[in-house]
């Protein structure tokens, strides 16, 4: 197990597995997104690491070139991020990819997840969900995402900057005011807060940026399976009458709140 990808606490320093702690003690080097943050975790559990090496988004390409030869030589390297699992919206994916390409064994040590913690605590969990990463910064992209999400049959989870949260919730409230959602703030920490409600209610509640890290959960879209079938049939009828398929999908999507892209794809027949 030369490369161990270790999940670390998302807030509460007690939320770490015994397996991760053992690996951090035994590793020839601990690769950290921020060595200061990792040192706090190590000190809390009485671990004196042999070496701490920074690996963040600005230096990951260079670090990967330096570290892969060490992995090939048999060094045990433990990869951590500031919180959660490296490689999921955090540095680490490039190193894992290059290690695998070099024939190095990679082992993932699971643990805390802000995504799944927020999904469960929101009460909006379902058999399926979609992780969106950080919400788009550009207004047009954010609007397009909220529009498309109205037709999703699954819950969705996203990270958002506290400063941009009022804007994002405000835009969602304009597009889908009755959509159920939850804002999960400072998960697992002392001042953890989970606020549930409709998009309109949350937009009013968070007119000012909150403090701390934020995860947003959206309920599945309101569209029922039967509605999708009727919408697809409507698109096909418009196309048969001479309308362009993309235009037909756009018109029907606006009327029944189904994803335009999903309508376009689903309406394609075998000969299309």
C-alpha atoms as a PDB file:
ATOM      1  CA  UNK A   1       0.000   0.000   0.000  1.00  0.00           C
ATOM      2  CA  UNK A   2       2.546   2.652  -1.051  1.00  0.00           C
ATOM      3  CA  UNK A   3      -0.106   5.390  -1.547  1.00  0.00           C
ATOM      4  CA  UNK A   4      -2.828   5.622   1.084  1.00  0.00           C
ATOM      5  CA  UNK A   5      -5.605   8.131   0.385  1.00  0.00           C
ATOM      6  CA  UNK A   6      -6.918   9.038   3.838  1.00  0.00           C
ATOM      7  CA  UNK A   7     -10.256  10.625   4.685  1.00  0.00           C
ATOM      8  CA  UNK A   8      -9.940  13.158   7.508  1.00  0.00           C
ATOM      9  CA  UNK A   9     -12.563  14.901   9.686  1.00  0.00           C
ATOM     10  CA  UNK A  10     -14.796  17.509   8.067  1.00  0.00           C
ATOM     11  CA  UNK A  11     -14.992  19.393  11.351  1.00  0.00           C
ATOM     12  CA  UNK A  12     -14.946  17.384  14.555  1.00  0.00           C
ATOM     13  CA  UNK A  13     -11.416  16.034  15.076  1.00  0.00           C
ATOM     14  CA  UNK A  14     -12.826  12.903  16.742  1.00  0.00           C
ATOM     15  CA  UNK A  15     -14.329  11.794  13.427  1.00  0.00           C
ATOM     16  CA  UNK A  16     -11.319   9.862  12.137  1.00  0.00           C
ATOM     17  CA  UNK A  17     -10.892   6.122  11.777  1.00  0.00           C
ATOM     18  CA  UNK A  18      -8.362   4.021  13.676  1.00  0.00           C
ATOM     19  CA  UNK A  19      -7.037   2.805  10.331  1.00  0.00           C
ATOM     20  CA  UNK A  20      -6.285   6.357   9.179  1.00  0.00           C
ATOM     21  CA  UNK A  21      -4.543   7.196  12.457  1.00  0.00           C
ATOM     22  CA  UNK A  22      -2.395   4.062  12.181  1.00  0.00           C
ATOM     23  CA  UNK A  23      -1.423   4.941   8.610  1.00  0.00           C
ATOM     24  CA  UNK A  24      -0.516   8.520   9.528  1.00  0.00           C
ATOM     25  CA  UNK A  25       1.799   7.161  12.230  1.00  0.00           C
ATOM     26  CA  UNK A  26       3.488   4.677   9.916  1.00  0.00           C
ATOM     27  CA  UNK A  27       3.790   6.768   6.741  1.00  0.00           C
ATOM     28  CA  UNK A  28       7.195   7.839   5.475  1.00  0.00           C
ATOM     29  CA  UNK A  29       5.549  11.168   4.625  1.00  0.00           C
ATOM     30  CA  UNK A  30       2.112  12.733   5.016  1.00  0.00           C
ATOM     31  CA  UNK A  31       1.055  14.760   1.972  1.00  0.00           C
ATOM     32  CA  UNK A  32      -1.060  17.706   3.139  1.00  0.00           C
ATOM     33  CA  UNK A  33      -3.248  20.292   1.450  1.00  0.00           C
ATOM     34  CA  UNK A  34      -2.234  22.613   4.306  1.00  0.00           C
ATOM     35  CA  UNK A  35       0.447  21.366   6.696  1.00  0.00           C
ATOM     36  CA  UNK A  36      -0.864  23.665   9.452  1.00  0.00           C
ATOM     37  CA  UNK A  37      -4.334  22.134   9.320  1.00  0.00           C
ATOM     38  CA  UNK A  38      -2.966  18.598   9.259  1.00  0.00           C
ATOM     39  CA  UNK A  39      -0.651  19.303  12.178  1.00  0.00           C
ATOM     40  CA  UNK A  40      -3.674  20.221  14.311  1.00  0.00           C
ATOM     41  CA  UNK A  41      -5.192  16.793  13.610  1.00  0.00           C
ATOM     42  CA  UNK A  42      -1.921  14.994  14.289  1.00  0.00           C
ATOM     43  CA  UNK A  43      -1.343  16.849  17.551  1.00  0.00           C
ATOM     44  CA  UNK A  44      -4.887  16.090  18.691  1.00  0.00           C
ATOM     45  CA  UNK A  45      -4.197  12.364  18.370  1.00  0.00           C
ATOM     46  CA  UNK A  46      -0.604  12.399  19.587  1.00  0.00           C
ATOM     47  CA  UNK A  47       0.973  11.561  16.235  1.00  0.00           C
ATOM     48  CA  UNK A  48       4.481  12.699  15.352  1.00  0.00           C
ATOM     49  CA  UNK A  49       4.687  12.377  11.580  1.00  0.00           C
ATOM     50  CA  UNK A  50       8.045  11.514  10.049  1.00  0.00           C
ATOM     51  CA  UNK A  51       7.593  14.201   7.420  1.00  0.00           C
ATOM     52  CA  UNK A  52       4.908  16.636   6.263  1.00  0.00           C
ATOM     53  CA  UNK A  53       4.890  17.574   2.565  1.00  0.00           C
ATOM     54  CA  UNK A  54       2.562  20.184   1.081  1.00  0.00           C
ATOM     55  CA  UNK A  55       0.436  19.065  -1.860  1.00  0.00           C
ATOM     56  CA  UNK A  56      -2.224  21.552  -2.953  1.00  0.00           C
ATOM     57  CA  UNK A  57      -3.872  22.650  -6.173  1.00  0.00           C
ATOM     58  CA  UNK A  58      -1.096  25.080  -7.030  1.00  0.00           C
ATOM     59  CA  UNK A  59       1.779  22.585  -6.775  1.00  0.00           C
ATOM     60  CA  UNK A  60       0.162  19.178  -7.344  1.00  0.00           C
ATOM     61  CA  UNK A  61       1.579  18.712 -10.859  1.00  0.00           C
ATOM     62  CA  UNK A  62       5.139  19.364  -9.697  1.00  0.00           C
ATOM     63  CA  UNK A  63       4.727  17.360  -6.506  1.00  0.00           C
ATOM     64  CA  UNK A  64       3.343  14.359  -8.384  1.00  0.00           C
ATOM     65  CA  UNK A  65       6.505  14.191 -10.509  1.00  0.00           C
ATOM     66  CA  UNK A  66       8.607  14.263  -7.338  1.00  0.00           C
ATOM     67  CA  UNK A  67       6.538  11.771  -5.365  1.00  0.00           C
ATOM     68  CA  UNK A  68       5.803   9.001  -7.876  1.00  0.00           C
ATOM     69  CA  UNK A  69       9.455   7.820  -7.893  1.00  0.00           C
ATOM     70  CA  UNK A  70       9.279   7.555  -4.100  1.00  0.00           C
ATOM     71  CA  UNK A  71       6.139   5.463  -4.386  1.00  0.00           C
ATOM     72  CA  UNK A  72       7.736   3.227  -7.006  1.00  0.00           C
ATOM     73  CA  UNK A  73      10.699   2.774  -4.648  1.00  0.00           C
ATOM     74  CA  UNK A  74       8.313   1.518  -1.934  1.00  0.00           C
ATOM     75  CA  UNK A  75       7.803   4.540   0.331  1.00  0.00           C
ATOM     76  CA  UNK A  76       4.479   4.642   2.146  1.00  0.00           C
ATOM     77  CA  UNK A  77       2.884   8.035   1.504  1.00  0.00           C
ATOM     78  CA  UNK A  78      -0.365   9.107   3.184  1.00  0.00           C
ATOM     79  CA  UNK A  79      -2.397  11.649   1.224  1.00  0.00           C
ATOM     80  CA  UNK A  80      -4.793  13.903   3.153  1.00  0.00           C
ATOM     81  CA  UNK A  81      -6.731  17.087   2.454  1.00  0.00           C
ATOM     82  CA  UNK A  82      -7.928  19.721   4.891  1.00  0.00           C
ATOM     83  CA  UNK A  83     -11.237  17.891   5.279  1.00  0.00           C
ATOM     84  CA  UNK A  84     -12.889  14.825   3.803  1.00  0.00           C
ATOM     85  CA  UNK A  85     -11.494  12.583   1.082  1.00  0.00           C
ATOM     86  CA  UNK A  86      -8.673  13.831  -1.176  1.00  0.00           C
ATOM     87  CA  UNK A  87      -9.513  13.869  -4.867  1.00  0.00           C
ATOM     88  CA  UNK A  88     -13.172  14.820  -4.369  1.00  0.00           C
ATOM     89  CA  UNK A  89     -13.222  18.588  -4.877  1.00  0.00           C
ATOM     90  CA  UNK A  90      -9.805  18.607  -3.217  1.00  0.00           C
ATOM     91  CA  UNK A  91      -6.238  18.037  -4.474  1.00  0.00           C
ATOM     92  CA  UNK A  92      -5.053  14.481  -5.007  1.00  0.00           C
ATOM     93  CA  UNK A  93      -6.652  13.180  -8.202  1.00  0.00           C
ATOM     94  CA  UNK A  94      -3.580  13.939 -10.310  1.00  0.00           C
ATOM     95  CA  UNK A  95      -1.245  12.104  -7.942  1.00  0.00           C
ATOM     96  CA  UNK A  96      -3.553   9.094  -7.780  1.00  0.00           C
ATOM     97  CA  UNK A  97      -3.763   8.984 -11.582  1.00  0.00           C
ATOM     98  CA  UNK A  98       0.004   9.135 -12.039  1.00  0.00           C
ATOM     99  CA  UNK A  99       0.614   6.597  -9.293  1.00  0.00           C
ATOM    100  CA  UNK A 100      -1.750   4.119 -10.937  1.00  0.00           C
ATOM    101  CA  UNK A 101      -0.134   4.757 -14.319  1.00  0.00           C
ATOM    102  CA  UNK A 102       3.234   3.882 -12.762  1.00  0.00           C
ATOM    103  CA  UNK A 103       1.845   0.610 -11.429  1.00  0.00           C
ATOM    104  CA  UNK A 104       1.745   1.774  -7.818  1.00  0.00           C
ATOM    105  CA  UNK A 105      -0.829   0.287  -5.464  1.00  0.00           C
ATOM    106  CA  UNK A 106      -3.343   2.863  -4.240  1.00  0.00           C
ATOM    107  CA  UNK A 107      -5.572   2.235  -1.245  1.00  0.00           C
ATOM    108  CA  UNK A 108      -8.439   4.479  -0.143  1.00  0.00           C
ATOM    109  CA  UNK A 109      -9.157   4.680   3.580  1.00  0.00           C
ATOM    110  CA  UNK A 110     -12.763   5.895   3.812  1.00  0.00           C
ATOM    111  CA  UNK A 111     -14.197   8.193   6.429  1.00  0.00           C
ATOM    112  CA  UNK A 112     -16.195  11.417   6.880  1.00  0.00           C
ATOM    113  CA  UNK A 113     -18.007  12.949   3.917  1.00  0.00           C
ATOM    114  CA  UNK A 114     -19.633  16.387   3.911  1.00  0.00           C
ATOM    115  CA  UNK A 115     -21.726  15.329   0.917  1.00  0.00           C
ATOM    116  CA  UNK A 116     -23.342  12.287   2.492  1.00  0.00           C
ATOM    117  CA  UNK A 117     -23.565  13.869   5.951  1.00  0.00           C
ATOM    118  CA  UNK A 118     -25.482  16.817   4.507  1.00  0.00           C
ATOM    119  CA  UNK A 119     -27.683  14.572   2.379  1.00  0.00           C
ATOM    120  CA  UNK A 120     -28.795  12.473   5.344  1.00  0.00           C
ATOM    121  CA  UNK A 121     -29.210  15.315   7.834  1.00  0.00           C
ATOM    122  CA  UNK A 122     -31.213  17.362   5.318  1.00  0.00           C
ATOM    123  CA  UNK A 123     -34.019  14.823   5.340  1.00  0.00           C
ATOM    124  CA  UNK A 124     -34.100  15.064   1.546  1.00  0.00           C
ATOM    125  CA  UNK A 125     -32.079  11.930   0.893  1.00  0.00           C
ATOM    126  CA  UNK A 126     -33.111   9.477  -1.765  1.00  0.00           C
ATOM    127  CA  UNK A 127     -31.879   6.299  -3.424  1.00  0.00           C
ATOM    128  CA  UNK A 128     -29.980   8.462  -5.916  1.00  0.00           C
ATOM    129  CA  UNK A 129     -28.278  11.819  -5.708  1.00  0.00           C
ATOM    130  CA  UNK A 130     -25.980  14.002  -7.768  1.00  0.00           C
ATOM    131  CA  UNK A 131     -22.923  15.819  -6.432  1.00  0.00           C
ATOM    132  CA  UNK A 132     -22.430  19.186  -8.124  1.00  0.00           C
ATOM    133  CA  UNK A 133     -19.163  20.306  -6.547  1.00  0.00           C
ATOM    134  CA  UNK A 134     -19.081  24.082  -6.071  1.00  0.00           C
ATOM    135  CA  UNK A 135     -21.968  25.994  -7.609  1.00  0.00           C
ATOM    136  CA  UNK A 136     -21.113  28.055 -10.713  1.00  0.00           C
ATOM    137  CA  UNK A 137     -19.914  31.587 -10.133  1.00  0.00           C
ATOM    138  CA  UNK A 138     -21.292  32.963 -13.389  1.00  0.00           C
ATOM    139  CA  UNK A 139     -24.923  34.051 -13.288  1.00  0.00           C
ATOM    140  CA  UNK A 140     -25.840  32.458 -16.617  1.00  0.00           C
ATOM    141  CA  UNK A 141     -24.348  29.090 -15.628  1.00  0.00           C
ATOM    142  CA  UNK A 142     -26.049  29.147 -12.233  1.00  0.00           C
ATOM    143  CA  UNK A 143     -29.396  29.963 -13.828  1.00  0.00           C
ATOM    144  CA  UNK A 144     -28.986  27.149 -16.350  1.00  0.00           C
ATOM    145  CA  UNK A 145     -28.154  24.701 -13.553  1.00  0.00           C
ATOM    146  CA  UNK A 146     -31.198  25.643 -11.464  1.00  0.00           C
ATOM    147  CA  UNK A 147     -33.424  25.441 -14.539  1.00  0.00           C
ATOM    148  CA  UNK A 148     -32.150  22.006 -15.482  1.00  0.00           C
ATOM    149  CA  UNK A 149     -32.376  20.698 -11.923  1.00  0.00           C
ATOM    150  CA  UNK A 150     -36.144  21.183 -11.917  1.00  0.00           C
ATOM    151  CA  UNK A 151     -36.468  18.018 -13.960  1.00  0.00           C
ATOM    152  CA  UNK A 152     -34.023  15.850 -12.014  1.00  0.00           C
ATOM    153  CA  UNK A 153     -35.628  12.817 -10.337  1.00  0.00           C
ATOM    154  CA  UNK A 154     -32.911  12.699  -7.683  1.00  0.00           C
ATOM    155  CA  UNK A 155     -31.601  14.880  -4.872  1.00  0.00           C
ATOM    156  CA  UNK A 156     -28.508  17.008  -5.429  1.00  0.00           C
ATOM    157  CA  UNK A 157     -25.742  18.256  -3.150  1.00  0.00           C
ATOM    158  CA  UNK A 158     -23.439  21.215  -3.730  1.00  0.00           C
ATOM    159  CA  UNK A 159     -20.797  23.247  -1.942  1.00  0.00           C
ATOM    160  CA  UNK A 160     -21.130  27.018  -1.891  1.00  0.00           C
ATOM    161  CA  UNK A 161     -19.111  29.957  -0.634  1.00  0.00           C
ATOM    162  CA  UNK A 162     -20.837  31.726   2.286  1.00  0.00           C
ATOM    163  CA  UNK A 163     -20.396  35.021   0.438  1.00  0.00           C
ATOM    164  CA  UNK A 164     -22.220  33.729  -2.655  1.00  0.00           C
ATOM    165  CA  UNK A 165     -24.945  31.802  -0.809  1.00  0.00           C
ATOM    166  CA  UNK A 166     -27.510  34.669  -0.725  1.00  0.00           C
ATOM    167  CA  UNK A 167     -27.158  35.151  -4.490  1.00  0.00           C
ATOM    168  CA  UNK A 168     -27.465  31.431  -5.244  1.00  0.00           C
ATOM    169  CA  UNK A 169     -30.517  30.934  -3.026  1.00  0.00           C
ATOM    170  CA  UNK A 170     -32.116  34.101  -4.360  1.00  0.00           C
ATOM    171  CA  UNK A 171     -31.771  32.887  -7.936  1.00  0.00           C
ATOM    172  CA  UNK A 172     -33.169  29.455  -7.013  1.00  0.00           C
ATOM    173  CA  UNK A 173     -36.142  31.136  -5.304  1.00  0.00           C
ATOM    174  CA  UNK A 174     -36.877  33.073  -8.504  1.00  0.00           C
ATOM    175  CA  UNK A 175     -36.780  29.946 -10.669  1.00  0.00           C
ATOM    176  CA  UNK A 176     -38.249  27.275  -8.361  1.00  0.00           C
ATOM    177  CA  UNK A 177     -39.657  28.973  -5.219  1.00  0.00           C
ATOM    178  CA  UNK A 178     -41.326  25.875  -3.739  1.00  0.00           C
ATOM    179  CA  UNK A 179     -38.320  23.580  -4.181  1.00  0.00           C
ATOM    180  CA  UNK A 180     -37.415  21.979  -0.868  1.00  0.00           C
ATOM    181  CA  UNK A 181     -33.825  22.452   0.177  1.00  0.00           C
ATOM    182  CA  UNK A 182     -31.494  22.555   3.156  1.00  0.00           C
ATOM    183  CA  UNK A 183     -28.510  24.715   4.017  1.00  0.00           C
ATOM    184  CA  UNK A 184     -26.030  22.776   6.156  1.00  0.00           C
ATOM    185  CA  UNK A 185     -23.453  24.963   7.863  1.00  0.00           C
ATOM    186  CA  UNK A 186     -20.373  23.951   9.876  1.00  0.00           C
ATOM    187  CA  UNK A 187     -21.231  20.236   9.776  1.00  0.00           C
ATOM    188  CA  UNK A 188     -20.003  18.213  12.795  1.00  0.00           C
ATOM    189  CA  UNK A 189     -18.598  21.345  14.444  1.00  0.00           C
ATOM    190  CA  UNK A 190     -19.717  23.024  17.666  1.00  0.00           C
ATOM    191  CA  UNK A 191     -21.983  25.525  15.915  1.00  0.00           C
ATOM    192  CA  UNK A 192     -23.442  23.143  13.350  1.00  0.00           C
ATOM    193  CA  UNK A 193     -26.660  24.463  11.818  1.00  0.00           C
ATOM    194  CA  UNK A 194     -29.082  22.832   9.393  1.00  0.00           C
ATOM    195  CA  UNK A 195     -31.851  25.056   8.031  1.00  0.00           C
ATOM    196  CA  UNK A 196     -34.593  23.334   6.013  1.00  0.00           C
ATOM    197  CA  UNK A 197     -37.373  24.888   3.976  1.00  0.00           C
ATOM    198  CA  UNK A 198     -38.464  25.962   0.523  1.00  0.00           C
ATOM    199  CA  UNK A 199     -36.133  27.922  -1.715  1.00  0.00           C
ATOM    200  CA  UNK A 200     -38.141  31.066  -0.966  1.00  0.00           C
ATOM    201  CA  UNK A 201     -37.895  30.553   2.792  1.00  0.00           C
ATOM    202  CA  UNK A 202     -34.165  29.919   2.660  1.00  0.00           C
ATOM    203  CA  UNK A 203     -33.558  32.950   0.452  1.00  0.00           C
ATOM    204  CA  UNK A 204     -35.226  35.110   3.098  1.00  0.00           C
ATOM    205  CA  UNK A 205     -33.349  33.405   5.924  1.00  0.00           C
ATOM    206  CA  UNK A 206     -29.956  33.876   4.262  1.00  0.00           C
ATOM    207  CA  UNK A 207     -30.147  37.392   2.911  1.00  0.00           C
ATOM    208  CA  UNK A 208     -26.756  37.984   4.529  1.00  0.00           C
ATOM    209  CA  UNK A 209     -23.747  35.641   4.159  1.00  0.00           C
ATOM    210  CA  UNK A 210     -23.428  33.188   7.056  1.00  0.00           C
ATOM    211  CA  UNK A 211     -20.164  32.157   8.650  1.00  0.00           C
ATOM    212  CA  UNK A 212     -18.387  28.863   8.085  1.00  0.00           C
ATOM    213  CA  UNK A 213     -18.453  26.172   5.433  1.00  0.00           C
ATOM    214  CA  UNK A 214     -21.735  25.587   3.618  1.00  0.00           C
ATOM    215  CA  UNK A 215     -23.262  22.567   1.884  1.00  0.00           C
ATOM    216  CA  UNK A 216     -26.588  22.898   0.063  1.00  0.00           C
ATOM    217  CA  UNK A 217     -28.992  20.001  -0.556  1.00  0.00           C
ATOM    218  CA  UNK A 218     -31.896  20.130  -3.028  1.00  0.00           C
ATOM    219  CA  UNK A 219     -34.835  17.756  -3.136  1.00  0.00           C
ATOM    220  CA  UNK A 220     -35.601  15.887  -6.355  1.00  0.00           C
ATOM    221  CA  UNK A 221     -37.451  17.958  -8.937  1.00  0.00           C
ATOM    222  CA  UNK A 222     -41.237  17.987  -8.787  1.00  0.00           C
ATOM    223  CA  UNK A 223     -41.672  16.331 -12.198  1.00  0.00           C
ATOM    224  CA  UNK A 224     -43.311  12.911 -12.094  1.00  0.00           C
ATOM    225  CA  UNK A 225     -42.349  10.066 -14.392  1.00  0.00           C
ATOM    226  CA  UNK A 226     -45.648  10.305 -16.233  1.00  0.00           C
ATOM    227  CA  UNK A 227     -45.074  14.000 -16.851  1.00  0.00           C
ATOM    228  CA  UNK A 228     -41.758  13.204 -18.523  1.00  0.00           C
ATOM    229  CA  UNK A 229     -43.432  10.720 -20.851  1.00  0.00           C
ATOM    230  CA  UNK A 230     -46.084  13.251 -21.829  1.00  0.00           C
ATOM    231  CA  UNK A 231     -43.421  15.920 -22.341  1.00  0.00           C
ATOM    232  CA  UNK A 232     -41.378  13.645 -24.605  1.00  0.00           C
ATOM    233  CA  UNK A 233     -44.489  12.853 -26.626  1.00  0.00           C
ATOM    234  CA  UNK A 234     -45.178  16.580 -27.011  1.00  0.00           C
ATOM    235  CA  UNK A 235     -41.639  17.179 -28.293  1.00  0.00           C
ATOM    236  CA  UNK A 236     -41.991  14.397 -30.835  1.00  0.00           C
ATOM    237  CA  UNK A 237     -45.313  15.811 -32.060  1.00  0.00           C
ATOM    238  CA  UNK A 238     -43.776  19.253 -32.532  1.00  0.00           C
ATOM    239  CA  UNK A 239     -40.845  17.740 -34.427  1.00  0.00           C
ATOM    240  CA  UNK A 240     -43.238  15.776 -36.639  1.00  0.00           C
ATOM    241  CA  UNK A 241     -44.979  19.066 -37.415  1.00  0.00           C
ATOM    242  CA  UNK A 242     -41.714  20.565 -38.627  1.00  0.00           C
ATOM    243  CA  UNK A 243     -40.211  22.190 -35.522  1.00  0.00           C
ATOM    244  CA  UNK A 244     -36.513  21.846 -34.801  1.00  0.00           C
ATOM    245  CA  UNK A 245     -35.965  19.307 -32.040  1.00  0.00           C
ATOM    246  CA  UNK A 246     -33.945  21.688 -29.836  1.00  0.00           C
ATOM    247  CA  UNK A 247     -36.596  24.388 -30.199  1.00  0.00           C
ATOM    248  CA  UNK A 248     -39.363  21.905 -29.386  1.00  0.00           C
ATOM    249  CA  UNK A 249     -37.483  20.630 -26.333  1.00  0.00           C
ATOM    250  CA  UNK A 250     -36.893  24.184 -25.118  1.00  0.00           C
ATOM    251  CA  UNK A 251     -40.571  25.176 -25.458  1.00  0.00           C
ATOM    252  CA  UNK A 252     -41.922  22.064 -23.722  1.00  0.00           C
ATOM    253  CA  UNK A 253     -39.304  22.243 -20.965  1.00  0.00           C
ATOM    254  CA  UNK A 254     -40.392  25.775 -20.078  1.00  0.00           C
ATOM    255  CA  UNK A 255     -44.023  24.689 -19.853  1.00  0.00           C
ATOM    256  CA  UNK A 256     -43.665  21.543 -17.734  1.00  0.00           C
ATOM    257  CA  UNK A 257     -40.402  22.221 -15.863  1.00  0.00           C
ATOM    258  CA  UNK A 258     -38.521  19.248 -17.281  1.00  0.00           C
ATOM    259  CA  UNK A 259     -34.828  19.367 -18.162  1.00  0.00           C
ATOM    260  CA  UNK A 260     -34.459  20.598 -21.760  1.00  0.00           C
ATOM    261  CA  UNK A 261     -31.390  18.421 -22.357  1.00  0.00           C
ATOM    262  CA  UNK A 262     -33.133  15.353 -20.948  1.00  0.00           C
ATOM    263  CA  UNK A 263     -36.152  15.971 -23.162  1.00  0.00           C
ATOM    264  CA  UNK A 264     -33.954  16.350 -26.236  1.00  0.00           C
ATOM    265  CA  UNK A 265     -32.064  13.107 -25.570  1.00  0.00           C
ATOM    266  CA  UNK A 266     -35.131  11.090 -24.621  1.00  0.00           C
ATOM    267  CA  UNK A 267     -37.129  12.240 -27.636  1.00  0.00           C
ATOM    268  CA  UNK A 268     -34.520  10.896 -30.061  1.00  0.00           C
ATOM    269  CA  UNK A 269     -35.649   7.755 -31.818  1.00  0.00           C
ATOM    270  CA  UNK A 270     -33.502   4.899 -33.239  1.00  0.00           C
ATOM    271  CA  UNK A 271     -33.325   6.629 -36.629  1.00  0.00           C
ATOM    272  CA  UNK A 272     -32.350  10.001 -35.177  1.00  0.00           C
END
